[in-house]
């Protein structure tokens, strides 16, 4: 059994208290994170094992139906190419396609068929090639990337929104908008 004196000695060894904090706050019994026996024995804690993702991607299908066994297979982000460079190359290509300086067929393998058809309709819709300023990315689920890219067209600043999904061991664009 650990005595109160041993407990306070061990507690003093394990933490540093700032001189500007109230020391009474640190002796409050509700703030103890470890039991007395763990602190007295200075037991080392084992790191927690890495957990797998609990939420899974269901690939966008835009209403298409697939034969059994031929459905798109979701892929984890750890098995896909580096995301930032992939997004940058894709965004530069799209900006050049909108300006009519690049063939849209170069992105056919990186876009869902539905998005590629939209891209074909927008070829040459911009008078100049936009300049990419910033890229903001988030990954709400494993295998999904949502990016907001700011693009400067002359004096005007616009936002491009892109969504990539990890499907069949590659990033696939499933949403593309210029706001």
C-alpha atoms as a PDB file:
ATOM      1  CA  UNK A   1       0.000   0.000   0.000  1.00  0.00           C
ATOM      2  CA  UNK A   2       1.337   3.405  -0.949  1.00  0.00           C
ATOM      3  CA  UNK A   3       1.341   6.113   1.675  1.00  0.00           C
ATOM      4  CA  UNK A   4       0.319   9.699   1.017  1.00  0.00           C
ATOM      5  CA  UNK A   5       3.904  10.873   1.510  1.00  0.00           C
ATOM      6  CA  UNK A   6       5.283   8.459  -1.106  1.00  0.00           C
ATOM      7  CA  UNK A   7       2.507   9.488  -3.448  1.00  0.00           C
ATOM      8  CA  UNK A   8       3.334  13.210  -3.221  1.00  0.00           C
ATOM      9  CA  UNK A   9       7.078  12.521  -3.665  1.00  0.00           C
ATOM     10  CA  UNK A  10       6.489  10.496  -6.816  1.00  0.00           C
ATOM     11  CA  UNK A  11       4.012  13.066  -8.062  1.00  0.00           C
ATOM     12  CA  UNK A  12       6.583  15.854  -7.621  1.00  0.00           C
ATOM     13  CA  UNK A  13       9.126  13.839  -9.657  1.00  0.00           C
ATOM     14  CA  UNK A  14       6.752  13.263 -12.567  1.00  0.00           C
ATOM     15  CA  UNK A  15       5.526  16.789 -13.269  1.00  0.00           C
ATOM     16  CA  UNK A  16       6.712  20.345 -13.399  1.00  0.00           C
ATOM     17  CA  UNK A  17       4.376  23.075 -12.217  1.00  0.00           C
ATOM     18  CA  UNK A  18       4.657  26.530 -13.684  1.00  0.00           C
ATOM     19  CA  UNK A  19       5.380  29.315 -11.237  1.00  0.00           C
ATOM     20  CA  UNK A  20       2.391  31.297 -12.473  1.00  0.00           C
ATOM     21  CA  UNK A  21      -0.132  28.525 -11.758  1.00  0.00           C
ATOM     22  CA  UNK A  22      -1.934  27.975  -8.510  1.00  0.00           C
ATOM     23  CA  UNK A  23      -0.315  24.893  -6.864  1.00  0.00           C
ATOM     24  CA  UNK A  24      -3.616  24.056  -5.166  1.00  0.00           C
ATOM     25  CA  UNK A  25      -5.125  23.358  -8.567  1.00  0.00           C
ATOM     26  CA  UNK A  26      -2.648  20.534  -9.201  1.00  0.00           C
ATOM     27  CA  UNK A  27      -3.429  18.709  -5.954  1.00  0.00           C
ATOM     28  CA  UNK A  28      -7.116  18.382  -6.759  1.00  0.00           C
ATOM     29  CA  UNK A  29      -8.063  14.662  -6.601  1.00  0.00           C
ATOM     30  CA  UNK A  30     -10.093  14.802  -9.848  1.00  0.00           C
ATOM     31  CA  UNK A  31      -7.029  15.749 -11.942  1.00  0.00           C
ATOM     32  CA  UNK A  32      -5.095  12.546 -11.230  1.00  0.00           C
ATOM     33  CA  UNK A  33      -4.834  10.659 -14.507  1.00  0.00           C
ATOM     34  CA  UNK A  34      -3.089   7.565 -13.147  1.00  0.00           C
ATOM     35  CA  UNK A  35      -3.757   5.339 -10.178  1.00  0.00           C
ATOM     36  CA  UNK A  36      -1.507   5.481  -7.103  1.00  0.00           C
ATOM     37  CA  UNK A  37       0.021   2.090  -7.786  1.00  0.00           C
ATOM     38  CA  UNK A  38       0.986   3.019 -11.380  1.00  0.00           C
ATOM     39  CA  UNK A  39       2.656   6.229 -10.243  1.00  0.00           C
ATOM     40  CA  UNK A  40       4.441   4.588  -7.301  1.00  0.00           C
ATOM     41  CA  UNK A  41       5.809   1.792  -9.464  1.00  0.00           C
ATOM     42  CA  UNK A  42       6.635   4.252 -12.280  1.00  0.00           C
ATOM     43  CA  UNK A  43       5.121   1.730 -14.619  1.00  0.00           C
ATOM     44  CA  UNK A  44       5.741   2.478 -18.279  1.00  0.00           C
ATOM     45  CA  UNK A  45       2.679   2.471 -20.435  1.00  0.00           C
ATOM     46  CA  UNK A  46       2.618   0.556 -23.695  1.00  0.00           C
ATOM     47  CA  UNK A  47       1.715   2.574 -26.793  1.00  0.00           C
ATOM     48  CA  UNK A  48      -1.715   1.928 -28.204  1.00  0.00           C
ATOM     49  CA  UNK A  49      -1.823  -0.155 -31.389  1.00  0.00           C
ATOM     50  CA  UNK A  50      -2.609   1.731 -34.569  1.00  0.00           C
ATOM     51  CA  UNK A  51      -6.275   1.462 -35.407  1.00  0.00           C
ATOM     52  CA  UNK A  52      -7.704   0.897 -38.833  1.00  0.00           C
ATOM     53  CA  UNK A  53     -10.222   3.302 -40.300  1.00  0.00           C
ATOM     54  CA  UNK A  54     -13.767   2.792 -39.061  1.00  0.00           C
ATOM     55  CA  UNK A  55     -15.475   4.787 -41.816  1.00  0.00           C
ATOM     56  CA  UNK A  56     -15.144   3.504 -45.355  1.00  0.00           C
ATOM     57  CA  UNK A  57     -15.447   5.072 -48.765  1.00  0.00           C
ATOM     58  CA  UNK A  58     -18.357   4.113 -50.986  1.00  0.00           C
ATOM     59  CA  UNK A  59     -17.210   5.217 -54.450  1.00  0.00           C
ATOM     60  CA  UNK A  60     -19.385   7.723 -56.312  1.00  0.00           C
ATOM     61  CA  UNK A  61     -21.222   6.078 -59.173  1.00  0.00           C
ATOM     62  CA  UNK A  62     -23.455   8.896 -60.532  1.00  0.00           C
ATOM     63  CA  UNK A  63     -26.361   6.457 -60.853  1.00  0.00           C
ATOM     64  CA  UNK A  64     -24.456   3.870 -62.884  1.00  0.00           C
ATOM     65  CA  UNK A  65     -25.046   0.183 -62.277  1.00  0.00           C
ATOM     66  CA  UNK A  66     -22.215  -2.333 -62.393  1.00  0.00           C
ATOM     67  CA  UNK A  67     -22.100  -6.059 -63.038  1.00  0.00           C
ATOM     68  CA  UNK A  68     -21.267  -8.107 -59.938  1.00  0.00           C
ATOM     69  CA  UNK A  69     -17.503  -8.313 -59.556  1.00  0.00           C
ATOM     70  CA  UNK A  70     -16.868  -5.218 -61.708  1.00  0.00           C
ATOM     71  CA  UNK A  71     -17.761  -2.544 -59.137  1.00  0.00           C
ATOM     72  CA  UNK A  72     -15.183   0.153 -58.326  1.00  0.00           C
ATOM     73  CA  UNK A  73     -13.015  -0.937 -55.400  1.00  0.00           C
ATOM     74  CA  UNK A  74     -12.260   1.701 -52.732  1.00  0.00           C
ATOM     75  CA  UNK A  75      -8.558   2.154 -51.960  1.00  0.00           C
ATOM     76  CA  UNK A  76      -6.937   3.431 -48.784  1.00  0.00           C
ATOM     77  CA  UNK A  77      -4.913   6.657 -48.981  1.00  0.00           C
ATOM     78  CA  UNK A  78      -1.809   4.771 -47.840  1.00  0.00           C
ATOM     79  CA  UNK A  79      -1.876   2.767 -51.099  1.00  0.00           C
ATOM     80  CA  UNK A  80      -2.279   5.827 -53.362  1.00  0.00           C
ATOM     81  CA  UNK A  81       0.222   8.322 -54.828  1.00  0.00           C
ATOM     82  CA  UNK A  82       1.316  11.385 -52.842  1.00  0.00           C
ATOM     83  CA  UNK A  83      -1.683  13.669 -52.657  1.00  0.00           C
ATOM     84  CA  UNK A  84      -0.309  17.209 -52.845  1.00  0.00           C
ATOM     85  CA  UNK A  85       1.699  16.710 -56.044  1.00  0.00           C
ATOM     86  CA  UNK A  86      -1.185  14.764 -57.600  1.00  0.00           C
ATOM     87  CA  UNK A  87      -3.582  17.623 -56.863  1.00  0.00           C
ATOM     88  CA  UNK A  88      -1.154  20.274 -58.132  1.00  0.00           C
ATOM     89  CA  UNK A  89      -0.554  18.488 -61.452  1.00  0.00           C
ATOM     90  CA  UNK A  90      -4.275  17.895 -61.904  1.00  0.00           C
ATOM     91  CA  UNK A  91      -5.184  21.531 -61.140  1.00  0.00           C
ATOM     92  CA  UNK A  92      -2.553  22.903 -63.544  1.00  0.00           C
ATOM     93  CA  UNK A  93      -3.855  20.600 -66.283  1.00  0.00           C
ATOM     94  CA  UNK A  94      -7.468  21.657 -65.692  1.00  0.00           C
ATOM     95  CA  UNK A  95      -6.601  25.374 -65.777  1.00  0.00           C
ATOM     96  CA  UNK A  96      -4.776  24.839 -69.086  1.00  0.00           C
ATOM     97  CA  UNK A  97      -7.713  22.856 -70.509  1.00  0.00           C
ATOM     98  CA  UNK A  98     -10.146  25.628 -69.560  1.00  0.00           C
ATOM     99  CA  UNK A  99      -7.875  28.074 -71.419  1.00  0.00           C
ATOM    100  CA  UNK A 100      -7.778  25.798 -74.486  1.00  0.00           C
ATOM    101  CA  UNK A 101      -4.025  25.150 -74.252  1.00  0.00           C
ATOM    102  CA  UNK A 102      -4.142  21.434 -73.378  1.00  0.00           C
ATOM    103  CA  UNK A 103      -6.081  18.462 -74.683  1.00  0.00           C
ATOM    104  CA  UNK A 104      -8.701  17.172 -72.213  1.00  0.00           C
ATOM    105  CA  UNK A 105      -7.921  13.571 -73.219  1.00  0.00           C
ATOM    106  CA  UNK A 106      -4.813  13.821 -71.023  1.00  0.00           C
ATOM    107  CA  UNK A 107      -7.058  13.663 -67.935  1.00  0.00           C
ATOM    108  CA  UNK A 108      -9.413  10.910 -69.049  1.00  0.00           C
ATOM    109  CA  UNK A 109      -7.835   8.321 -66.740  1.00  0.00           C
ATOM    110  CA  UNK A 110      -7.879  10.707 -63.750  1.00  0.00           C
ATOM    111  CA  UNK A 111     -11.572  11.674 -63.945  1.00  0.00           C
ATOM    112  CA  UNK A 112     -14.845   9.853 -63.621  1.00  0.00           C
ATOM    113  CA  UNK A 113     -16.630   9.653 -66.967  1.00  0.00           C
ATOM    114  CA  UNK A 114     -19.305  12.092 -65.745  1.00  0.00           C
ATOM    115  CA  UNK A 115     -16.677  14.711 -64.745  1.00  0.00           C
ATOM    116  CA  UNK A 116     -14.757  14.206 -67.991  1.00  0.00           C
ATOM    117  CA  UNK A 117     -17.892  14.992 -70.015  1.00  0.00           C
ATOM    118  CA  UNK A 118     -18.312  18.250 -68.041  1.00  0.00           C
ATOM    119  CA  UNK A 119     -14.655  19.080 -68.673  1.00  0.00           C
ATOM    120  CA  UNK A 120     -15.141  18.602 -72.437  1.00  0.00           C
ATOM    121  CA  UNK A 121     -17.955  21.169 -72.409  1.00  0.00           C
ATOM    122  CA  UNK A 122     -15.715  23.731 -70.650  1.00  0.00           C
ATOM    123  CA  UNK A 123     -12.716  23.554 -73.022  1.00  0.00           C
ATOM    124  CA  UNK A 124     -11.690  27.111 -73.936  1.00  0.00           C
ATOM    125  CA  UNK A 125     -14.191  28.719 -71.541  1.00  0.00           C
ATOM    126  CA  UNK A 126     -11.479  30.985 -70.027  1.00  0.00           C
ATOM    127  CA  UNK A 127      -9.660  33.632 -72.050  1.00  0.00           C
ATOM    128  CA  UNK A 128      -6.359  33.186 -70.217  1.00  0.00           C
ATOM    129  CA  UNK A 129      -4.485  30.587 -68.206  1.00  0.00           C
ATOM    130  CA  UNK A 130      -5.161  31.134 -64.518  1.00  0.00           C
ATOM    131  CA  UNK A 131      -2.360  31.271 -61.966  1.00  0.00           C
ATOM    132  CA  UNK A 132      -2.704  28.910 -59.035  1.00  0.00           C
ATOM    133  CA  UNK A 133      -2.093  30.654 -55.718  1.00  0.00           C
ATOM    134  CA  UNK A 134      -2.945  28.281 -52.851  1.00  0.00           C
ATOM    135  CA  UNK A 135      -4.157  24.749 -52.260  1.00  0.00           C
ATOM    136  CA  UNK A 136      -6.113  23.780 -49.150  1.00  0.00           C
ATOM    137  CA  UNK A 137      -6.736  20.062 -48.670  1.00  0.00           C
ATOM    138  CA  UNK A 138      -8.692  17.974 -46.224  1.00  0.00           C
ATOM    139  CA  UNK A 139      -9.281  14.257 -45.944  1.00  0.00           C
ATOM    140  CA  UNK A 140     -12.667  13.671 -44.295  1.00  0.00           C
ATOM    141  CA  UNK A 141     -12.362   9.884 -44.715  1.00  0.00           C
ATOM    142  CA  UNK A 142      -9.581   7.513 -45.614  1.00  0.00           C
ATOM    143  CA  UNK A 143      -9.265   7.554 -49.400  1.00  0.00           C
ATOM    144  CA  UNK A 144     -11.090  10.867 -49.949  1.00  0.00           C
ATOM    145  CA  UNK A 145      -9.486  14.254 -50.585  1.00  0.00           C
ATOM    146  CA  UNK A 146     -11.367  17.529 -50.875  1.00  0.00           C
ATOM    147  CA  UNK A 147      -9.300  20.441 -52.187  1.00  0.00           C
ATOM    148  CA  UNK A 148      -9.988  24.130 -52.562  1.00  0.00           C
ATOM    149  CA  UNK A 149      -7.614  25.887 -54.930  1.00  0.00           C
ATOM    150  CA  UNK A 150      -7.502  29.644 -55.413  1.00  0.00           C
ATOM    151  CA  UNK A 151      -6.824  30.689 -59.014  1.00  0.00           C
ATOM    152  CA  UNK A 152      -6.084  34.232 -60.221  1.00  0.00           C
ATOM    153  CA  UNK A 153      -7.528  35.278 -63.607  1.00  0.00           C
ATOM    154  CA  UNK A 154      -6.196  38.795 -64.206  1.00  0.00           C
ATOM    155  CA  UNK A 155      -7.653  40.955 -61.424  1.00  0.00           C
ATOM    156  CA  UNK A 156     -10.197  38.326 -60.392  1.00  0.00           C
ATOM    157  CA  UNK A 157      -9.611  35.617 -57.795  1.00  0.00           C
ATOM    158  CA  UNK A 158     -11.692  32.447 -58.170  1.00  0.00           C
ATOM    159  CA  UNK A 159     -11.905  29.146 -56.300  1.00  0.00           C
ATOM    160  CA  UNK A 160     -11.653  25.700 -57.856  1.00  0.00           C
ATOM    161  CA  UNK A 161     -13.169  22.847 -55.851  1.00  0.00           C
ATOM    162  CA  UNK A 162     -11.941  19.305 -56.496  1.00  0.00           C
ATOM    163  CA  UNK A 163     -12.848  16.019 -54.849  1.00  0.00           C
ATOM    164  CA  UNK A 164     -10.678  12.944 -55.325  1.00  0.00           C
ATOM    165  CA  UNK A 165     -11.638   9.438 -54.277  1.00  0.00           C
ATOM    166  CA  UNK A 166      -9.261   6.505 -53.999  1.00  0.00           C
ATOM    167  CA  UNK A 167     -10.717   3.983 -56.441  1.00  0.00           C
ATOM    168  CA  UNK A 168      -8.997   0.993 -58.056  1.00  0.00           C
ATOM    169  CA  UNK A 169      -5.507   1.942 -56.731  1.00  0.00           C
ATOM    170  CA  UNK A 170      -5.604   5.514 -58.127  1.00  0.00           C
ATOM    171  CA  UNK A 171      -7.002   8.948 -57.294  1.00  0.00           C
ATOM    172  CA  UNK A 172     -10.146   9.622 -59.324  1.00  0.00           C
ATOM    173  CA  UNK A 173     -11.728  13.070 -59.647  1.00  0.00           C
ATOM    174  CA  UNK A 174     -15.433  12.868 -58.779  1.00  0.00           C
ATOM    175  CA  UNK A 175     -16.178  16.601 -58.456  1.00  0.00           C
ATOM    176  CA  UNK A 176     -14.759  19.636 -60.236  1.00  0.00           C
ATOM    177  CA  UNK A 177     -16.160  23.193 -60.032  1.00  0.00           C
ATOM    178  CA  UNK A 178     -14.891  26.680 -60.650  1.00  0.00           C
ATOM    179  CA  UNK A 179     -16.658  29.151 -58.394  1.00  0.00           C
END
